[in-house]
Amino acid sequence: MRMIKGLWRWRRNPLRRKTDLAEAWAALVAAVLILLAAPAAGWAAGSLAHGALVRTAQEQRAERHLVAATVVKVLPQPPIDSDPETASARDAQRRVIAQWTGPDGSRHEGTLGAQPSADPGETFRIWTDDQGRLRARPLDSATAATHAALAGIGAGAATAGLVDGARRLVVWRLMRRRYAQWDIAWERARQDWGRADADS
């Protein structure tokens, strides 16, 4: 909002100083840069992030495989926790010992999280690499697009913030210069208000 107020300093006024005009120029340049450079920076960052994330997602889909894991044993639930967040996370999955065969034919066994209704002998799907080691689910295109959009928004906002910060720095320097000029003017005038013989 102060940037918009700064544009009003363009109007002619006998009291307008050079620093007022410089402040108006700073506001105009900052407004133009925020309107043009911030969206451009956001678009560029979002495009680069999207390209990188899409490549990562493709690599993960090529390297990760869905395999069937069989529940061998259901592990006992931990004691009930009074914290609702911990309790809901505990209830969302059940810890089991499961066996699975990797894409290369190797056999594996480990402790996994399964559905709360999982019982011994039931199967569920897990993600592994080529050697059968557990891996996280590969990045999907919707998540990649969301992350890229957030990166673009963040880059645009950061650019706008940097431009506005530069404008504020210029205005701060102008204000210091303006105050220094006032001090010099007051020193030259040598006002002696309040003295009884000021007009004599």
Protein backbone atom coordinates (compact mmCIF):
# COMPACT_ATOMS: atom_id res chain seq x y z
CA MET A 1 0.00 0.00 0.00
CA ARG A 2 2.88 2.38 0.76
CA MET A 3 4.20 1.72 -2.71
CA ILE A 4 0.91 3.00 -4.21
CA LYS A 5 1.06 6.06 -1.93
CA GLY A 6 4.59 6.69 -3.21
CA LEU A 7 3.22 7.16 -6.73
CA TRP A 8 1.26 10.21 -5.54
CA ARG A 9 4.56 12.04 -5.10
CA TRP A 10 4.63 12.60 -8.87
CA ARG A 11 2.16 15.49 -8.67
CA ARG A 12 3.58 19.00 -8.82
CA ASN A 13 3.86 20.75 -5.50
CA PRO A 14 6.06 23.64 -4.38
CA LEU A 15 6.99 21.61 -1.28
CA ARG A 16 8.04 18.53 -3.26
CA ARG A 17 11.70 17.68 -2.71
CA LYS A 18 14.10 15.75 -4.94
CA THR A 19 13.92 12.88 -2.48
CA ASP A 20 10.11 12.79 -2.91
CA LEU A 21 10.53 12.38 -6.66
CA ALA A 22 13.21 9.70 -6.15
CA GLU A 23 10.84 7.88 -3.81
CA ALA A 24 8.11 8.02 -6.45
CA TRP A 25 10.51 6.58 -9.04
CA ALA A 26 11.47 3.78 -6.64
CA ALA A 27 7.77 2.98 -6.10
CA LEU A 28 7.09 2.94 -9.85
CA VAL A 29 10.07 0.72 -10.66
CA ALA A 30 9.19 -1.66 -7.81
CA ALA A 31 5.55 -1.89 -8.95
CA VAL A 32 6.57 -2.68 -12.53
CA LEU A 33 9.11 -5.29 -11.37
CA ILE A 34 6.59 -6.94 -9.06
CA LEU A 35 4.01 -7.07 -11.86
CA LEU A 36 6.45 -8.42 -14.46
CA ALA A 37 9.47 -10.05 -12.79
CA ALA A 38 7.70 -11.89 -9.97
CA PRO A 39 5.33 -13.86 -12.26
CA ALA A 40 8.19 -14.56 -14.68
CA ALA A 41 10.40 -15.88 -11.86
CA GLY A 42 7.51 -17.97 -10.52
CA TRP A 43 6.77 -19.45 -13.95
CA ALA A 44 10.46 -20.23 -14.58
CA ALA A 45 10.95 -21.85 -11.17
CA GLY A 46 7.71 -23.81 -11.48
CA SER A 47 8.65 -25.06 -14.96
CA LEU A 48 12.12 -26.14 -13.86
CA ALA A 49 10.76 -27.84 -10.74
CA HIS A 50 8.04 -29.60 -12.76
CA GLY A 51 10.57 -30.92 -15.26
CA ALA A 52 12.86 -32.21 -12.50
CA LEU A 53 9.99 -33.77 -10.55
CA VAL A 54 8.55 -35.48 -13.65
CA ARG A 55 11.97 -36.98 -14.41
CA THR A 56 12.27 -38.14 -10.78
CA ALA A 57 8.80 -39.68 -10.92
CA GLN A 58 9.64 -41.53 -14.15
CA GLU A 59 12.88 -42.85 -12.65
CA GLN A 60 11.09 -43.99 -9.50
CA ARG A 61 8.36 -45.74 -11.50
CA ALA A 62 11.03 -47.54 -13.52
CA GLU A 63 13.02 -48.60 -10.43
CA ARG A 64 10.19 -49.49 -8.02
CA HIS A 65 7.81 -52.42 -8.24
CA LEU A 66 4.61 -53.46 -6.51
CA VAL A 67 4.98 -56.91 -4.95
CA ALA A 68 2.70 -58.98 -2.74
CA ALA A 69 3.67 -59.39 0.91
CA THR A 70 2.13 -62.12 3.07
CA VAL A 71 1.44 -61.55 6.77
CA VAL A 72 3.31 -64.11 8.88
CA LYS A 73 2.59 -62.74 12.33
CA VAL A 74 0.66 -59.82 13.80
CA LEU A 75 2.67 -57.90 16.38
CA PRO A 76 0.95 -56.79 19.60
CA GLN A 77 -0.34 -53.22 19.69
CA PRO A 78 1.57 -50.78 21.90
CA PRO A 79 -0.19 -49.58 25.05
CA ILE A 80 -3.03 -47.10 24.56
CA ASP A 81 -1.79 -43.54 24.29
CA SER A 82 -3.82 -40.60 25.57
CA ASP A 83 -2.53 -38.34 22.76
CA PRO A 84 -5.20 -38.38 20.00
CA GLU A 85 -2.68 -37.80 17.19
CA THR A 86 -0.48 -40.71 18.27
CA ALA A 87 -3.49 -42.92 18.86
CA SER A 88 -4.96 -42.20 15.41
CA ALA A 89 -1.61 -42.94 13.75
CA ARG A 90 -1.37 -46.18 15.75
CA ASP A 91 -4.91 -47.23 14.78
CA ALA A 92 -4.37 -46.44 11.09
CA GLN A 93 -1.82 -49.25 10.69
CA ARG A 94 -1.02 -52.52 12.32
CA ARG A 95 2.56 -53.75 12.71
CA VAL A 96 3.11 -57.20 11.19
CA ILE A 97 5.94 -59.48 10.24
CA ALA A 98 5.59 -60.22 6.53
CA GLN A 99 7.38 -62.12 3.79
CA TRP A 100 7.73 -61.09 0.16
CA THR A 101 9.65 -62.04 -2.95
CA GLY A 102 11.57 -59.32 -4.79
CA PRO A 103 11.42 -58.83 -8.57
CA ASP A 104 14.80 -60.58 -8.82
CA GLY A 105 13.43 -63.67 -7.02
CA SER A 106 15.09 -62.98 -3.65
CA ARG A 107 13.06 -63.76 -0.50
CA HIS A 108 12.66 -61.15 2.23
CA GLU A 109 11.08 -60.85 5.65
CA GLY A 110 10.57 -57.79 7.80
CA THR A 111 8.32 -55.72 10.04
CA LEU A 112 5.82 -53.66 8.08
CA GLY A 113 2.74 -51.55 8.61
CA ALA A 114 -0.45 -53.17 7.32
CA GLN A 115 -4.16 -52.51 7.41
CA PRO A 116 -5.75 -52.78 10.88
CA SER A 117 -7.71 -55.82 9.69
CA ALA A 118 -4.61 -57.73 8.50
CA ASP A 119 -4.43 -61.31 9.80
CA PRO A 120 -1.81 -64.05 9.30
CA GLY A 121 -1.95 -65.46 5.76
CA GLU A 122 -3.42 -62.30 4.18
CA THR A 123 -1.53 -60.51 1.44
CA PHE A 124 -1.09 -56.81 0.74
CA ARG A 125 0.95 -54.80 -1.74
CA ILE A 126 4.25 -53.07 -0.98
CA TRP A 127 6.78 -51.12 -3.07
CA THR A 128 10.32 -52.50 -3.49
CA ASP A 129 13.35 -51.83 -5.66
CA ASP A 130 14.82 -54.34 -8.12
CA GLN A 131 16.52 -56.26 -5.28
CA GLY A 132 13.35 -56.48 -3.16
CA ARG A 133 14.34 -53.81 -0.62
CA LEU A 134 11.46 -51.74 0.72
CA ARG A 135 10.95 -48.37 -0.92
CA ALA A 136 8.41 -45.57 -0.62
CA ARG A 137 5.63 -45.29 -3.16
CA PRO A 138 6.88 -43.54 -6.34
CA LEU A 139 5.99 -39.91 -6.90
CA ASP A 140 2.85 -39.53 -9.01
CA SER A 141 2.27 -36.81 -11.59
CA ALA A 142 -0.39 -34.99 -9.53
CA THR A 143 1.99 -34.66 -6.58
CA ALA A 144 4.78 -33.51 -8.90
CA ALA A 145 2.50 -30.84 -10.39
CA THR A 146 1.44 -29.66 -6.93
CA HIS A 147 5.06 -29.41 -5.73
CA ALA A 148 6.03 -27.54 -8.91
CA ALA A 149 3.14 -25.09 -8.47
CA LEU A 150 4.17 -24.47 -4.87
CA ALA A 151 7.76 -23.90 -5.98
CA GLY A 152 6.57 -21.39 -8.58
CA ILE A 153 4.38 -19.56 -6.08
CA GLY A 154 7.24 -19.48 -3.58
CA ALA A 155 9.71 -18.15 -6.16
CA GLY A 156 7.25 -15.47 -7.29
CA ALA A 157 6.56 -14.41 -3.72
CA ALA A 158 10.29 -14.36 -2.90
CA THR A 159 10.98 -12.19 -5.96
CA ALA A 160 8.22 -9.78 -4.99
CA GLY A 161 9.58 -9.69 -1.44
CA LEU A 162 13.11 -8.98 -2.66
CA VAL A 163 11.89 -6.17 -4.92
CA ASP A 164 9.84 -4.64 -2.12
CA GLY A 165 12.78 -5.03 0.26
CA ALA A 166 15.04 -3.20 -2.20
CA ARG A 167 12.43 -0.44 -2.51
CA ARG A 168 12.23 -0.12 1.27
CA LEU A 169 16.03 0.10 1.47
CA VAL A 170 16.04 2.89 -1.12
CA VAL A 171 13.29 4.75 0.75
CA TRP A 172 15.17 4.30 4.04
CA ARG A 173 18.31 5.79 2.47
CA LEU A 174 16.27 8.66 1.04
CA MET A 175 14.71 9.32 4.45
CA ARG A 176 18.15 9.43 6.07
CA ARG A 177 19.31 11.84 3.40
CA ARG A 178 16.17 13.93 3.89
CA TYR A 179 16.73 14.10 7.66
CA ALA A 180 20.37 15.06 7.14
CA GLN A 181 19.26 17.88 4.81
CA TRP A 182 16.75 19.06 7.42
CA ASP A 183 19.48 19.12 10.05
CA ILE A 184 21.67 21.22 7.76
CA ALA A 185 18.77 23.57 7.00
CA TRP A 186 17.95 23.99 10.69
CA GLU A 187 21.61 24.64 11.46
CA ARG A 188 21.73 27.35 8.77
CA ALA A 189 18.54 29.02 9.95
CA ARG A 190 19.79 29.09 13.56
CA GLN A 191 16.32 29.56 14.89
CA ASP A 192 16.32 31.08 18.30
CA TRP A 193 12.68 30.72 19.23
CA GLY A 194 11.83 31.17 22.87
CA ARG A 195 14.39 33.87 23.59
CA ALA A 196 13.03 37.16 24.92
CA ASP A 197 15.26 39.31 22.69
CA ALA A 198 14.81 37.27 19.51
CA ASP A 199 13.40 40.22 17.49
CA SER A 200 15.54 42.99 18.94
